Amino acid sequence: MREASSVNLIHALCAAGATVVAHDPVASEVAGHVFADLIRSGSLVLRAQALDAVGDAEALVLVTEWPEYKAIPAAQVKAAMPGRVLLDGRNALDGEAYKREGFSYAGIGRR
């Protein structure tokens, strides 16, 4: 996790005043240690389930390509998430499906 792009992104977003709610199916225990200061301050909240992490989200940023994220239908994300902004940092999701659900979708490196 030391070199994961998510580490810099989370620190930058929290420093800018955002509250970050995150989920990782594998690294949650390590994240609890790496981000202990942000968790204590309330700037970062870790969730046990992926859809729980988007419950109050204005925007979703995907920085990993775990298969379970690809398996969640866009309609389920829409139902769980009040915001409609999605930045797919791995081009892992079906952008057209998210656009059909009303999301403003941007895939890194895509036109």
C-alpha atoms as a PDB file:
ATOM      1  CA  MET A   1       0.000   0.000   0.000  1.00  0.00           C
ATOM      2  CA  ARG A   2       2.992   2.317   0.445  1.00  0.00           C
ATOM      3  CA  GLU A   3       3.142   3.087  -3.266  1.00  0.00           C
ATOM      4  CA  ALA A   4      -0.572   2.982  -4.023  1.00  0.00           C
ATOM      5  CA  SER A   5      -1.941   6.035  -5.813  1.00  0.00           C
ATOM      6  CA  SER A   6      -4.808   6.059  -3.348  1.00  0.00           C
ATOM      7  CA  VAL A   7      -2.500   7.121  -0.511  1.00  0.00           C
ATOM      8  CA  ASN A   8      -1.551  10.411  -2.168  1.00  0.00           C
ATOM      9  CA  LEU A   9      -5.089  10.979  -3.423  1.00  0.00           C
ATOM     10  CA  ILE A  10      -6.659  10.467   0.002  1.00  0.00           C
ATOM     11  CA  HIS A  11      -4.149  12.771   1.673  1.00  0.00           C
ATOM     12  CA  ALA A  12      -4.686  15.470  -0.981  1.00  0.00           C
ATOM     13  CA  LEU A  13      -8.485  15.299  -0.794  1.00  0.00           C
ATOM     14  CA  CYS A  14      -8.502  15.422   3.008  1.00  0.00           C
ATOM     15  CA  ALA A  15      -6.030  18.325   3.002  1.00  0.00           C
ATOM     16  CA  ALA A  16      -8.409  20.166   0.661  1.00  0.00           C
ATOM     17  CA  GLY A  17     -11.239  19.725   3.165  1.00  0.00           C
ATOM     18  CA  ALA A  18     -13.013  16.701   1.722  1.00  0.00           C
ATOM     19  CA  THR A  19     -14.352  13.859   3.789  1.00  0.00           C
ATOM     20  CA  VAL A  20     -13.273  10.645   2.102  1.00  0.00           C
ATOM     21  CA  VAL A  21     -15.226   7.443   2.563  1.00  0.00           C
ATOM     22  CA  ALA A  22     -13.282   4.468   1.256  1.00  0.00           C
ATOM     23  CA  HIS A  23     -13.544   0.756   0.735  1.00  0.00           C
ATOM     24  CA  ASP A  24     -10.928  -1.818  -0.196  1.00  0.00           C
ATOM     25  CA  PRO A  25     -11.749  -5.521  -0.042  1.00  0.00           C
ATOM     26  CA  VAL A  26      -8.154  -6.435   0.782  1.00  0.00           C
ATOM     27  CA  ALA A  27      -6.262  -3.512   2.332  1.00  0.00           C
ATOM     28  CA  SER A  28      -8.693  -2.183   4.941  1.00  0.00           C
ATOM     29  CA  GLU A  29      -6.668  -3.406   7.906  1.00  0.00           C
ATOM     30  CA  VAL A  30      -3.446  -1.892   6.551  1.00  0.00           C
ATOM     31  CA  ALA A  31      -5.303   1.304   5.631  1.00  0.00           C
ATOM     32  CA  GLY A  32      -6.429   1.618   9.223  1.00  0.00           C
ATOM     33  CA  HIS A  33      -2.779   1.902  10.223  1.00  0.00           C
ATOM     34  CA  VAL A  34      -1.566   4.002   7.278  1.00  0.00           C
ATOM     35  CA  PHE A  35      -4.359   6.551   7.700  1.00  0.00           C
ATOM     36  CA  ALA A  36      -4.813   6.407  11.473  1.00  0.00           C
ATOM     37  CA  ASP A  37      -4.459  10.193  11.821  1.00  0.00           C
ATOM     38  CA  LEU A  38      -7.073  10.914   9.137  1.00  0.00           C
ATOM     39  CA  ILE A  39      -9.464   8.359  10.615  1.00  0.00           C
ATOM     40  CA  ARG A  40      -9.114   9.893  14.086  1.00  0.00           C
ATOM     41  CA  SER A  41      -9.808  13.350  12.681  1.00  0.00           C
ATOM     42  CA  GLY A  42     -12.903  12.153  10.840  1.00  0.00           C
ATOM     43  CA  SER A  43     -11.490  13.121   7.442  1.00  0.00           C
ATOM     44  CA  LEU A  44     -11.397   9.485   6.363  1.00  0.00           C
ATOM     45  CA  VAL A  45     -13.982   6.806   7.021  1.00  0.00           C
ATOM     46  CA  LEU A  46     -13.422   3.182   6.028  1.00  0.00           C
ATOM     47  CA  ARG A  47     -16.434   1.057   5.115  1.00  0.00           C
ATOM     48  CA  ALA A  48     -16.688  -2.734   5.120  1.00  0.00           C
ATOM     49  CA  GLN A  49     -18.932  -2.890   2.026  1.00  0.00           C
ATOM     50  CA  ALA A  50     -18.409  -1.174  -1.325  1.00  0.00           C
ATOM     51  CA  LEU A  51     -21.925   0.242  -1.672  1.00  0.00           C
ATOM     52  CA  ASP A  52     -21.808   1.543   1.900  1.00  0.00           C
ATOM     53  CA  ALA A  53     -18.862   3.703   0.867  1.00  0.00           C
ATOM     54  CA  VAL A  54     -20.967   5.652  -1.658  1.00  0.00           C
ATOM     55  CA  GLY A  55     -24.019   6.227   0.533  1.00  0.00           C
ATOM     56  CA  ASP A  56     -23.411   9.963   0.986  1.00  0.00           C
ATOM     57  CA  ALA A  57     -21.003  10.499  -1.906  1.00  0.00           C
ATOM     58  CA  GLU A  58     -21.174  13.378  -4.335  1.00  0.00           C
ATOM     59  CA  ALA A  59     -18.412  11.744  -6.397  1.00  0.00           C
ATOM     60  CA  LEU A  60     -16.880   8.307  -6.783  1.00  0.00           C
ATOM     61  CA  VAL A  61     -13.219   7.837  -7.660  1.00  0.00           C
ATOM     62  CA  LEU A  62     -12.134   4.321  -8.561  1.00  0.00           C
ATOM     63  CA  VAL A  63      -8.392   3.802  -8.118  1.00  0.00           C
ATOM     64  CA  THR A  64      -8.271   0.013  -8.073  1.00  0.00           C
ATOM     65  CA  GLU A  65      -9.727  -2.644 -10.296  1.00  0.00           C
ATOM     66  CA  TRP A  66     -10.919  -5.308  -7.907  1.00  0.00           C
ATOM     67  CA  PRO A  67     -13.361  -7.665  -9.672  1.00  0.00           C
ATOM     68  CA  GLU A  68     -16.083  -7.018  -7.097  1.00  0.00           C
ATOM     69  CA  TYR A  69     -16.268  -3.371  -8.180  1.00  0.00           C
ATOM     70  CA  LYS A  70     -16.721  -4.368 -11.823  1.00  0.00           C
ATOM     71  CA  ALA A  71     -19.531  -6.741 -10.807  1.00  0.00           C
ATOM     72  CA  ILE A  72     -21.715  -4.061  -9.198  1.00  0.00           C
ATOM     73  CA  PRO A  73     -24.335  -2.905 -11.723  1.00  0.00           C
ATOM     74  CA  ALA A  74     -24.376   0.826 -12.470  1.00  0.00           C
ATOM     75  CA  ALA A  75     -28.038   0.955 -11.423  1.00  0.00           C
ATOM     76  CA  GLN A  76     -27.108  -0.279  -7.930  1.00  0.00           C
ATOM     77  CA  VAL A  77     -24.458   2.400  -7.590  1.00  0.00           C
ATOM     78  CA  LYS A  78     -26.988   4.995  -8.732  1.00  0.00           C
ATOM     79  CA  ALA A  79     -29.513   3.802  -6.151  1.00  0.00           C
ATOM     80  CA  ALA A  80     -26.936   3.952  -3.352  1.00  0.00           C
ATOM     81  CA  MET A  81     -25.222   7.230  -4.262  1.00  0.00           C
ATOM     82  CA  PRO A  82     -26.732  10.728  -4.271  1.00  0.00           C
ATOM     83  CA  GLY A  83     -24.032  12.259  -6.523  1.00  0.00           C
ATOM     84  CA  ARG A  84     -23.557  11.457 -10.182  1.00  0.00           C
ATOM     85  CA  VAL A  85     -19.830  12.034 -10.770  1.00  0.00           C
ATOM     86  CA  LEU A  86     -17.566   9.057 -11.487  1.00  0.00           C
ATOM     87  CA  LEU A  87     -13.851   9.198 -12.188  1.00  0.00           C
ATOM     88  CA  ASP A  88     -12.595   5.781 -13.250  1.00  0.00           C
ATOM     89  CA  GLY A  89      -8.860   5.875 -12.693  1.00  0.00           C
ATOM     90  CA  ARG A  90      -8.408   2.337 -14.005  1.00  0.00           C
ATOM     91  CA  ASN A  91     -10.865   2.277 -16.920  1.00  0.00           C
ATOM     92  CA  ALA A  92     -12.297  -0.762 -15.199  1.00  0.00           C
ATOM     93  CA  LEU A  93     -15.989   0.080 -15.391  1.00  0.00           C
ATOM     94  CA  ASP A  94     -18.474   0.166 -18.232  1.00  0.00           C
ATOM     95  CA  GLY A  95     -18.567   3.921 -18.780  1.00  0.00           C
ATOM     96  CA  GLU A  96     -21.506   3.738 -21.176  1.00  0.00           C
ATOM     97  CA  ALA A  97     -23.613   1.903 -18.582  1.00  0.00           C
ATOM     98  CA  TYR A  98     -22.850   4.618 -16.035  1.00  0.00           C
ATOM     99  CA  LYS A  99     -23.658   7.364 -18.530  1.00  0.00           C
ATOM    100  CA  ARG A 100     -27.022   5.692 -19.242  1.00  0.00           C
ATOM    101  CA  GLU A 101     -27.705   5.888 -15.503  1.00  0.00           C
ATOM    102  CA  GLY A 102     -27.079   9.647 -15.555  1.00  0.00           C
ATOM    103  CA  PHE A 103     -23.487   9.741 -14.307  1.00  0.00           C
ATOM    104  CA  SER A 104     -20.902  12.177 -15.520  1.00  0.00           C
ATOM    105  CA  TYR A 105     -18.254   9.542 -16.268  1.00  0.00           C
ATOM    106  CA  ALA A 106     -14.590  10.135 -17.016  1.00  0.00           C
ATOM    107  CA  GLY A 107     -12.135   7.327 -17.611  1.00  0.00           C
ATOM    108  CA  ILE A 108      -8.478   8.278 -17.315  1.00  0.00           C
ATOM    109  CA  GLY A 109      -6.908   8.172 -20.762  1.00  0.00           C
ATOM    110  CA  ARG A 110     -10.253   7.910 -22.558  1.00  0.00           C
ATOM    111  CA  ARG A 111     -11.768  10.533 -24.793  1.00  0.00           C
END
